[in-house]
Amino acid sequence: MAGVILVTGMAIDASGVPQQVKPFDSETLPQDVITVYKLGLPFKQYLSETIKNPASAQLIKSDLGSANIQCGGEGPDVRTNKVICNPAISFMNQTCTIDSTISRNCEHAYIAAYLHSQKLNETQQGKFSYIFLANSAVMNHPGSATEELLALIREIK
């Protein structure tokens, strides 16, 4: 999206129209997360605003635990599913970069090793992180998966 100017908590699109960005919370739908991504707000900025709210920070902490369960652990076959682990581990890395004290899951050495082995850059990690968070919103609102989320997931495979 060309011409996007970012302001804390707000994105201004190419037409110059301010777009208020609501931080992730229990009411956030997958479409809301995809909209923020499409506005061009970097994931780390979105997350920084989100974790200022204690209830939202708890959701993010829970999501870190889920990501660790999905792709943590030991053994050669744990992180072989890139469709699951690219978003989960990108989310963990992006979140832990913003606040390493949010969860003990930030201490895992496999996060950096995985990202290095997959050669995931900051931009890719941001996109994968938005996908992980949109999937989390689906879990909070079963049946709310959108075609846009599925298209975004297909786009980065």
N, C-alpha and C. Protein backbone atom coordinates (compact mmCIF):
# COMPACT_ATOMS: atom_id res chain seq x y z
N MET A 1 0.85 -1.16 0.00
CA MET A 1 0.00 0.00 0.00
C MET A 1 0.90 1.22 0.00
N ALA A 2 0.93 1.93 -1.09
CA ALA A 2 1.81 3.08 -1.23
C ALA A 2 1.26 4.27 -0.47
N GLY A 3 2.16 5.05 0.07
CA GLY A 3 1.78 6.30 0.69
C GLY A 3 1.13 6.19 2.06
N VAL A 4 1.40 5.16 2.78
CA VAL A 4 0.83 5.03 4.12
C VAL A 4 1.75 5.72 5.12
N ILE A 5 1.18 6.60 5.91
CA ILE A 5 1.92 7.28 6.97
C ILE A 5 1.43 6.70 8.29
N LEU A 6 2.36 6.34 9.16
CA LEU A 6 1.98 5.70 10.41
C LEU A 6 2.12 6.66 11.58
N VAL A 7 1.11 6.69 12.40
CA VAL A 7 1.09 7.48 13.62
C VAL A 7 0.68 6.53 14.73
N THR A 8 1.19 6.72 15.93
CA THR A 8 0.87 5.80 17.01
C THR A 8 -0.64 5.60 17.13
N GLY A 9 -1.07 4.34 16.96
CA GLY A 9 -2.47 4.00 17.10
C GLY A 9 -3.34 4.41 15.94
N MET A 10 -2.74 5.00 14.91
CA MET A 10 -3.53 5.46 13.78
C MET A 10 -2.71 5.29 12.51
N ALA A 11 -3.37 4.91 11.46
CA ALA A 11 -2.72 4.85 10.15
C ALA A 11 -3.45 5.80 9.23
N ILE A 12 -2.71 6.47 8.36
CA ILE A 12 -3.31 7.36 7.38
C ILE A 12 -3.06 6.72 6.03
N ASP A 13 -4.15 6.36 5.34
CA ASP A 13 -3.99 5.64 4.08
C ASP A 13 -3.61 6.60 2.95
N ALA A 14 -3.40 6.06 1.76
CA ALA A 14 -2.93 6.82 0.61
C ALA A 14 -3.87 7.97 0.24
N SER A 15 -5.14 7.85 0.57
CA SER A 15 -6.09 8.92 0.26
C SER A 15 -6.05 10.03 1.30
N GLY A 16 -5.23 9.87 2.35
CA GLY A 16 -5.11 10.88 3.38
C GLY A 16 -6.14 10.77 4.48
N VAL A 17 -6.94 9.70 4.46
CA VAL A 17 -7.99 9.52 5.45
C VAL A 17 -7.42 8.79 6.66
N PRO A 18 -7.50 9.41 7.85
CA PRO A 18 -7.00 8.73 9.05
C PRO A 18 -7.83 7.48 9.36
N GLN A 19 -7.16 6.43 9.76
CA GLN A 19 -7.82 5.18 10.13
C GLN A 19 -7.45 4.88 11.58
N GLN A 20 -8.42 4.97 12.48
CA GLN A 20 -8.16 4.66 13.88
C GLN A 20 -7.94 3.15 14.01
N VAL A 21 -6.91 2.77 14.71
CA VAL A 21 -6.58 1.36 14.88
C VAL A 21 -6.87 0.97 16.32
N LYS A 22 -7.78 0.03 16.48
CA LYS A 22 -8.16 -0.47 17.80
C LYS A 22 -7.21 -1.61 18.17
N PRO A 23 -6.57 -1.55 19.34
CA PRO A 23 -5.69 -2.64 19.75
C PRO A 23 -6.43 -3.97 19.85
N PHE A 24 -5.70 -5.06 19.71
CA PHE A 24 -6.26 -6.41 19.79
C PHE A 24 -6.82 -6.64 21.19
N ASP A 25 -8.05 -7.18 21.24
CA ASP A 25 -8.64 -7.57 22.51
C ASP A 25 -9.60 -8.74 22.26
N SER A 26 -10.34 -9.11 23.27
CA SER A 26 -11.21 -10.28 23.15
C SER A 26 -12.37 -10.06 22.17
N GLU A 27 -12.64 -8.83 21.81
CA GLU A 27 -13.72 -8.52 20.86
C GLU A 27 -13.21 -8.45 19.41
N THR A 28 -11.91 -8.46 19.22
CA THR A 28 -11.33 -8.33 17.88
C THR A 28 -11.66 -9.53 17.02
N LEU A 29 -12.16 -9.24 15.83
CA LEU A 29 -12.47 -10.29 14.84
C LEU A 29 -11.28 -10.46 13.90
N PRO A 30 -11.19 -11.60 13.23
CA PRO A 30 -10.09 -11.81 12.28
C PRO A 30 -10.04 -10.69 11.23
N GLN A 31 -11.20 -10.25 10.76
CA GLN A 31 -11.25 -9.20 9.75
C GLN A 31 -10.62 -7.91 10.27
N ASP A 32 -10.77 -7.63 11.56
CA ASP A 32 -10.17 -6.43 12.16
C ASP A 32 -8.64 -6.50 12.06
N VAL A 33 -8.09 -7.67 12.34
CA VAL A 33 -6.63 -7.86 12.28
C VAL A 33 -6.15 -7.70 10.84
N ILE A 34 -6.86 -8.29 9.89
CA ILE A 34 -6.49 -8.18 8.47
C ILE A 34 -6.56 -6.73 8.01
N THR A 35 -7.56 -6.00 8.48
CA THR A 35 -7.69 -4.58 8.12
C THR A 35 -6.49 -3.79 8.61
N VAL A 36 -6.06 -4.02 9.84
CA VAL A 36 -4.88 -3.32 10.37
C VAL A 36 -3.66 -3.67 9.52
N TYR A 37 -3.50 -4.94 9.18
CA TYR A 37 -2.38 -5.35 8.33
C TYR A 37 -2.42 -4.59 6.99
N LYS A 38 -3.60 -4.54 6.38
CA LYS A 38 -3.74 -3.88 5.08
C LYS A 38 -3.52 -2.38 5.15
N LEU A 39 -3.73 -1.78 6.31
CA LEU A 39 -3.45 -0.36 6.48
C LEU A 39 -1.95 -0.08 6.51
N GLY A 40 -1.17 -1.13 6.70
CA GLY A 40 0.28 -0.98 6.68
C GLY A 40 0.91 -0.70 8.03
N LEU A 41 0.17 -0.86 9.10
CA LEU A 41 0.74 -0.63 10.42
C LEU A 41 1.69 -1.78 10.76
N PRO A 42 2.96 -1.48 11.02
CA PRO A 42 3.90 -2.55 11.37
C PRO A 42 3.40 -3.33 12.59
N PHE A 43 3.58 -4.65 12.57
CA PHE A 43 3.07 -5.49 13.64
C PHE A 43 3.60 -5.06 14.99
N LYS A 44 4.87 -4.73 15.07
CA LYS A 44 5.44 -4.35 16.36
C LYS A 44 4.77 -3.10 16.92
N GLN A 45 4.41 -2.17 16.06
CA GLN A 45 3.72 -0.97 16.52
C GLN A 45 2.32 -1.32 17.01
N TYR A 46 1.63 -2.18 16.27
CA TYR A 46 0.30 -2.63 16.67
C TYR A 46 0.37 -3.35 18.02
N LEU A 47 1.35 -4.21 18.16
CA LEU A 47 1.50 -4.95 19.40
C LEU A 47 1.86 -4.04 20.57
N SER A 48 2.71 -3.05 20.34
CA SER A 48 3.08 -2.11 21.40
C SER A 48 1.85 -1.42 21.97
N GLU A 49 0.95 -1.02 21.09
CA GLU A 49 -0.29 -0.39 21.54
C GLU A 49 -1.19 -1.39 22.26
N THR A 50 -1.23 -2.60 21.75
CA THR A 50 -2.09 -3.64 22.32
C THR A 50 -1.70 -3.99 23.75
N ILE A 51 -0.42 -4.19 24.01
CA ILE A 51 -0.01 -4.67 25.34
C ILE A 51 -0.04 -3.59 26.41
N LYS A 52 -0.37 -2.37 26.03
CA LYS A 52 -0.56 -1.31 27.04
C LYS A 52 -1.83 -1.57 27.85
N ASN A 53 -2.77 -2.32 27.28
CA ASN A 53 -4.00 -2.68 27.97
C ASN A 53 -3.76 -4.00 28.69
N PRO A 54 -3.90 -4.04 30.03
CA PRO A 54 -3.61 -5.28 30.77
C PRO A 54 -4.40 -6.51 30.29
N ALA A 55 -5.67 -6.34 29.97
CA ALA A 55 -6.46 -7.49 29.50
C ALA A 55 -5.94 -7.99 28.14
N SER A 56 -5.56 -7.06 27.29
CA SER A 56 -5.01 -7.44 25.98
C SER A 56 -3.65 -8.11 26.15
N ALA A 57 -2.84 -7.59 27.08
CA ALA A 57 -1.53 -8.19 27.35
C ALA A 57 -1.70 -9.64 27.80
N GLN A 58 -2.74 -9.91 28.59
CA GLN A 58 -3.00 -11.29 29.02
C GLN A 58 -3.35 -12.18 27.83
N LEU A 59 -4.12 -11.67 26.88
CA LEU A 59 -4.44 -12.44 25.67
C LEU A 59 -3.16 -12.76 24.89
N ILE A 60 -2.29 -11.76 24.77
CA ILE A 60 -1.04 -11.95 24.03
C ILE A 60 -0.17 -12.98 24.76
N LYS A 61 -0.13 -12.90 26.07
CA LYS A 61 0.64 -13.87 26.86
C LYS A 61 0.10 -15.28 26.63
N SER A 62 -1.20 -15.42 26.60
CA SER A 62 -1.84 -16.71 26.33
C SER A 62 -1.49 -17.19 24.92
N ASP A 63 -1.50 -16.26 23.96
CA ASP A 63 -1.14 -16.62 22.58
C ASP A 63 0.31 -17.06 22.47
N LEU A 64 1.19 -16.45 23.27
CA LEU A 64 2.59 -16.89 23.30
C LEU A 64 2.69 -18.33 23.78
N GLY A 65 1.91 -18.67 24.79
CA GLY A 65 1.88 -20.04 25.29
C GLY A 65 1.38 -21.00 24.23
N SER A 66 0.34 -20.60 23.51
CA SER A 66 -0.19 -21.44 22.42
C SER A 66 0.84 -21.65 21.33
N ALA A 67 1.54 -20.57 20.97
CA ALA A 67 2.58 -20.67 19.94
C ALA A 67 3.67 -21.63 20.37
N ASN A 68 4.06 -21.56 21.64
CA ASN A 68 5.10 -22.45 22.16
C ASN A 68 4.63 -23.89 22.14
N ILE A 69 3.38 -24.12 22.49
CA ILE A 69 2.84 -25.49 22.47
C ILE A 69 2.83 -26.03 21.03
N GLN A 70 2.44 -25.18 20.08
CA GLN A 70 2.36 -25.60 18.68
C GLN A 70 3.73 -25.92 18.08
N CYS A 71 4.74 -25.14 18.46
CA CYS A 71 6.02 -25.27 17.75
C CYS A 71 7.24 -25.38 18.66
N GLY A 72 7.03 -25.44 19.95
CA GLY A 72 8.16 -25.58 20.88
C GLY A 72 8.48 -27.03 21.09
N GLY A 73 9.06 -27.32 22.20
CA GLY A 73 9.35 -28.71 22.52
C GLY A 73 10.67 -29.18 21.95
N GLU A 74 10.86 -30.47 22.01
CA GLU A 74 12.11 -31.09 21.59
C GLU A 74 11.85 -32.11 20.50
N GLY A 75 12.89 -32.49 19.81
CA GLY A 75 12.78 -33.53 18.80
C GLY A 75 12.85 -32.97 17.39
N PRO A 76 13.27 -33.78 16.45
CA PRO A 76 13.50 -33.30 15.09
C PRO A 76 12.23 -32.98 14.31
N ASP A 77 11.08 -33.49 14.74
CA ASP A 77 9.87 -33.27 13.96
C ASP A 77 8.97 -32.16 14.50
N VAL A 78 9.39 -31.46 15.56
CA VAL A 78 8.53 -30.49 16.22
C VAL A 78 8.21 -29.29 15.32
N ARG A 79 9.19 -28.76 14.64
CA ARG A 79 9.00 -27.53 13.87
C ARG A 79 9.02 -27.77 12.36
N THR A 80 8.45 -28.88 11.91
CA THR A 80 8.49 -29.17 10.48
C THR A 80 7.31 -28.60 9.71
N ASN A 81 6.22 -28.23 10.38
CA ASN A 81 5.05 -27.70 9.70
C ASN A 81 5.17 -26.18 9.59
N LYS A 82 5.67 -25.71 8.44
CA LYS A 82 5.91 -24.28 8.24
C LYS A 82 4.61 -23.48 8.24
N VAL A 83 3.51 -24.08 7.82
CA VAL A 83 2.23 -23.38 7.79
C VAL A 83 1.82 -22.96 9.20
N ILE A 84 2.15 -23.77 10.17
CA ILE A 84 1.83 -23.45 11.57
C ILE A 84 2.98 -22.69 12.22
N CYS A 85 4.21 -23.15 12.03
CA CYS A 85 5.33 -22.60 12.79
C CYS A 85 5.86 -21.27 12.26
N ASN A 86 5.79 -21.01 10.97
CA ASN A 86 6.23 -19.69 10.51
C ASN A 86 5.43 -18.58 11.20
N PRO A 87 4.09 -18.65 11.22
CA PRO A 87 3.34 -17.62 11.94
C PRO A 87 3.56 -17.65 13.46
N ALA A 88 3.54 -18.84 14.05
CA ALA A 88 3.66 -18.94 15.51
C ALA A 88 5.00 -18.42 16.01
N ILE A 89 6.07 -18.84 15.38
CA ILE A 89 7.40 -18.43 15.86
C ILE A 89 7.69 -16.99 15.49
N SER A 90 7.19 -16.53 14.35
CA SER A 90 7.32 -15.11 14.01
C SER A 90 6.62 -14.26 15.05
N PHE A 91 5.40 -14.67 15.43
CA PHE A 91 4.64 -13.96 16.46
C PHE A 91 5.43 -13.94 17.78
N MET A 92 5.99 -15.06 18.15
CA MET A 92 6.77 -15.11 19.39
C MET A 92 7.94 -14.14 19.33
N ASN A 93 8.66 -14.15 18.23
CA ASN A 93 9.83 -13.29 18.10
C ASN A 93 9.44 -11.82 18.12
N GLN A 94 8.43 -11.46 17.33
CA GLN A 94 8.01 -10.06 17.26
C GLN A 94 7.52 -9.57 18.63
N THR A 95 6.75 -10.40 19.30
CA THR A 95 6.22 -10.04 20.62
C THR A 95 7.33 -9.91 21.64
N CYS A 96 8.22 -10.88 21.67
CA CYS A 96 9.30 -10.89 22.66
C CYS A 96 10.30 -9.77 22.41
N THR A 97 10.39 -9.30 21.18
CA THR A 97 11.25 -8.15 20.87
C THR A 97 10.67 -6.89 21.50
N ILE A 98 9.36 -6.78 21.52
CA ILE A 98 8.68 -5.62 22.11
C ILE A 98 8.76 -5.67 23.64
N ASP A 99 8.51 -6.85 24.23
CA ASP A 99 8.52 -6.98 25.69
C ASP A 99 8.97 -8.39 26.07
N SER A 100 10.24 -8.52 26.33
CA SER A 100 10.80 -9.84 26.64
C SER A 100 10.35 -10.36 28.01
N THR A 101 9.76 -9.50 28.83
CA THR A 101 9.31 -9.93 30.15
C THR A 101 7.85 -10.39 30.16
N ILE A 102 7.18 -10.33 29.03
CA ILE A 102 5.75 -10.68 28.99
C ILE A 102 5.50 -12.15 29.28
N SER A 103 6.47 -13.00 28.96
CA SER A 103 6.27 -14.44 29.14
C SER A 103 7.61 -15.17 29.22
N ARG A 104 7.62 -16.26 29.97
CA ARG A 104 8.81 -17.12 30.00
C ARG A 104 9.09 -17.72 28.63
N ASN A 105 8.07 -17.78 27.79
CA ASN A 105 8.27 -18.34 26.45
C ASN A 105 9.24 -17.50 25.62
N CYS A 106 9.51 -16.29 26.04
CA CYS A 106 10.47 -15.45 25.32
C CYS A 106 11.91 -15.93 25.51
N GLU A 107 12.13 -16.80 26.46
CA GLU A 107 13.48 -17.27 26.78
C GLU A 107 13.95 -18.41 25.89
N HIS A 108 13.08 -18.96 25.06
CA HIS A 108 13.44 -20.15 24.28
C HIS A 108 14.42 -19.83 23.14
N ALA A 109 15.51 -20.57 23.12
CA ALA A 109 16.54 -20.38 22.09
C ALA A 109 16.08 -20.86 20.71
N TYR A 110 15.10 -21.75 20.66
CA TYR A 110 14.68 -22.27 19.36
C TYR A 110 14.05 -21.20 18.48
N ILE A 111 13.56 -20.09 19.07
CA ILE A 111 12.91 -19.04 18.29
C ILE A 111 13.88 -18.46 17.28
N ALA A 112 15.02 -17.99 17.75
CA ALA A 112 16.02 -17.39 16.85
C ALA A 112 16.58 -18.42 15.88
N ALA A 113 16.81 -19.62 16.36
CA ALA A 113 17.35 -20.68 15.49
C ALA A 113 16.37 -21.00 14.36
N TYR A 114 15.10 -21.08 14.67
CA TYR A 114 14.10 -21.38 13.65
C TYR A 114 14.03 -20.26 12.61
N LEU A 115 13.96 -19.02 13.06
CA LEU A 115 13.86 -17.89 12.13
C LEU A 115 15.07 -17.83 11.22
N HIS A 116 16.25 -18.10 11.79
CA HIS A 116 17.48 -18.12 11.00
C HIS A 116 17.43 -19.24 9.95
N SER A 117 16.99 -20.41 10.36
CA SER A 117 16.96 -21.54 9.43
C SER A 117 15.93 -21.33 8.31
N GLN A 118 14.86 -20.61 8.60
CA GLN A 118 13.84 -20.35 7.58
C GLN A 118 14.11 -19.06 6.79
N LYS A 119 15.13 -18.32 7.22
CA LYS A 119 15.51 -17.06 6.57
C LYS A 119 14.33 -16.08 6.49
N LEU A 120 13.61 -15.95 7.62
CA LEU A 120 12.46 -15.05 7.67
C LEU A 120 12.92 -13.66 8.09
N ASN A 121 12.72 -12.68 7.20
CA ASN A 121 13.12 -11.32 7.51
C ASN A 121 12.02 -10.61 8.32
N GLU A 122 12.30 -9.39 8.73
CA GLU A 122 11.38 -8.62 9.58
C GLU A 122 10.01 -8.44 8.92
N THR A 123 9.99 -8.14 7.64
CA THR A 123 8.72 -7.94 6.92
C THR A 123 7.91 -9.23 6.90
N GLN A 124 8.56 -10.33 6.59
CA GLN A 124 7.86 -11.62 6.57
C GLN A 124 7.35 -11.98 7.96
N GLN A 125 8.16 -11.74 8.97
CA GLN A 125 7.75 -12.04 10.34
C GLN A 125 6.53 -11.21 10.74
N GLY A 126 6.49 -9.94 10.32
CA GLY A 126 5.34 -9.09 10.63
C GLY A 126 4.07 -9.64 9.99
N LYS A 127 4.16 -10.05 8.75
CA LYS A 127 3.00 -10.60 8.05
C LYS A 127 2.56 -11.91 8.70
N PHE A 128 3.51 -12.78 8.98
CA PHE A 128 3.18 -14.04 9.65
C PHE A 128 2.57 -13.78 11.03
N SER A 129 3.06 -12.76 11.74
CA SER A 129 2.54 -12.44 13.06
C SER A 129 1.08 -11.98 12.98
N TYR A 130 0.76 -11.19 11.97
CA TYR A 130 -0.63 -10.79 11.77
C TYR A 130 -1.51 -12.01 11.49
N ILE A 131 -0.99 -12.95 10.71
CA ILE A 131 -1.75 -14.17 10.43
C ILE A 131 -1.99 -14.95 11.73
N PHE A 132 -0.96 -15.07 12.55
CA PHE A 132 -1.12 -15.78 13.82
C PHE A 132 -2.19 -15.10 14.68
N LEU A 133 -2.12 -13.76 14.76
CA LEU A 133 -3.08 -13.04 15.58
C LEU A 133 -4.50 -13.14 15.00
N ALA A 134 -4.63 -13.11 13.68
CA ALA A 134 -5.95 -13.28 13.06
C ALA A 134 -6.50 -14.67 13.37
N ASN A 135 -5.64 -15.67 13.34
CA ASN A 135 -6.08 -17.02 13.71
C ASN A 135 -6.48 -17.09 15.18
N SER A 136 -5.80 -16.35 16.01
CA SER A 136 -6.17 -16.27 17.43
C SER A 136 -7.56 -15.66 17.57
N ALA A 137 -7.85 -14.65 16.78
CA ALA A 137 -9.19 -14.03 16.80
C ALA A 137 -10.25 -15.03 16.36
N VAL A 138 -9.90 -15.90 15.43
CA VAL A 138 -10.83 -16.96 15.01
C VAL A 138 -11.13 -17.86 16.21
N MET A 139 -10.10 -18.17 16.99
CA MET A 139 -10.30 -19.03 18.16
C MET A 139 -11.22 -18.34 19.19
N ASN A 140 -11.10 -17.01 19.29
CA ASN A 140 -11.95 -16.24 20.21
C ASN A 140 -13.38 -16.11 19.69
N HIS A 141 -13.53 -16.23 18.38
CA HIS A 141 -14.84 -16.08 17.72
C HIS A 141 -15.01 -17.18 16.69
N PRO A 142 -15.27 -18.40 17.14
CA PRO A 142 -15.40 -19.52 16.21
C PRO A 142 -16.41 -19.22 15.10
N GLY A 143 -16.05 -19.63 13.90
CA GLY A 143 -16.93 -19.41 12.76
C GLY A 143 -16.73 -18.06 12.09
N SER A 144 -15.75 -17.28 12.57
CA SER A 144 -15.55 -15.94 12.02
C SER A 144 -14.41 -15.85 11.01
N ALA A 145 -13.87 -16.99 10.62
CA ALA A 145 -12.78 -16.97 9.63
C ALA A 145 -13.30 -16.32 8.36
N THR A 146 -12.47 -15.50 7.77
CA THR A 146 -12.88 -14.79 6.57
C THR A 146 -12.09 -15.28 5.36
N GLU A 147 -12.66 -15.09 4.20
CA GLU A 147 -11.96 -15.45 2.97
C GLU A 147 -10.67 -14.64 2.83
N GLU A 148 -10.68 -13.38 3.33
CA GLU A 148 -9.47 -12.56 3.25
C GLU A 148 -8.33 -13.17 4.05
N LEU A 149 -8.63 -13.74 5.21
CA LEU A 149 -7.60 -14.39 6.01
C LEU A 149 -7.06 -15.60 5.27
N LEU A 150 -7.94 -16.38 4.71
CA LEU A 150 -7.51 -17.57 3.96
C LEU A 150 -6.68 -17.16 2.75
N ALA A 151 -7.06 -16.08 2.08
CA ALA A 151 -6.30 -15.59 0.92
C ALA A 151 -4.92 -15.11 1.35
N LEU A 152 -4.83 -14.43 2.48
CA LEU A 152 -3.54 -13.96 2.99
C LEU A 152 -2.63 -15.15 3.32
N ILE A 153 -3.21 -16.17 3.93
CA ILE A 153 -2.43 -17.36 4.26
C ILE A 153 -1.93 -18.03 2.98
N ARG A 154 -2.78 -18.15 1.98
CA ARG A 154 -2.36 -18.76 0.70
C ARG A 154 -1.28 -17.93 0.02
N GLU A 155 -1.37 -16.62 0.15
CA GLU A 155 -0.44 -15.71 -0.50
C GLU A 155 1.00 -15.90 -0.04
N ILE A 156 1.19 -16.28 1.21
CA ILE A 156 2.57 -16.35 1.73
C ILE A 156 3.09 -17.77 1.84
N LYS A 157 2.35 -18.75 1.40
CA LYS A 157 2.84 -20.14 1.47
C LYS A 157 4.06 -20.31 0.61
